[in-house]
């Protein structure tokens, strides 16, 4: 899985792990 970052520059994987939506 490549490192995909959202507009905030936060890795989507980390976002999912954090349980943060938007």
Protein backbone atom coordinates (compact mmCIF):
# COMPACT_ATOMS: atom_id res chain seq x y z
CA UNK A 1 0.00 0.00 0.00
CA UNK A 2 1.48 3.35 -1.02
CA UNK A 3 1.49 6.35 1.26
CA UNK A 4 -1.53 8.44 0.35
CA UNK A 5 -1.95 11.81 2.03
CA UNK A 6 -5.09 13.90 2.15
CA UNK A 7 -5.37 17.67 1.79
CA UNK A 8 -4.20 18.04 5.39
CA UNK A 9 -1.04 16.10 4.62
CA UNK A 10 -2.01 13.36 7.04
CA UNK A 11 -1.63 9.75 5.85
CA UNK A 12 -5.04 8.21 5.22
CA UNK A 13 -3.87 5.06 6.98
CA UNK A 14 -3.14 7.09 10.11
CA UNK A 15 -6.53 8.77 9.76
CA UNK A 16 -8.30 5.43 9.67
CA UNK A 17 -6.26 4.15 12.61
CA UNK A 18 -7.09 7.30 14.55
CA UNK A 19 -10.77 6.81 13.70
CA UNK A 20 -10.98 10.39 12.46
CA UNK A 21 -13.54 11.15 9.77
CA UNK A 22 -13.03 14.48 8.00
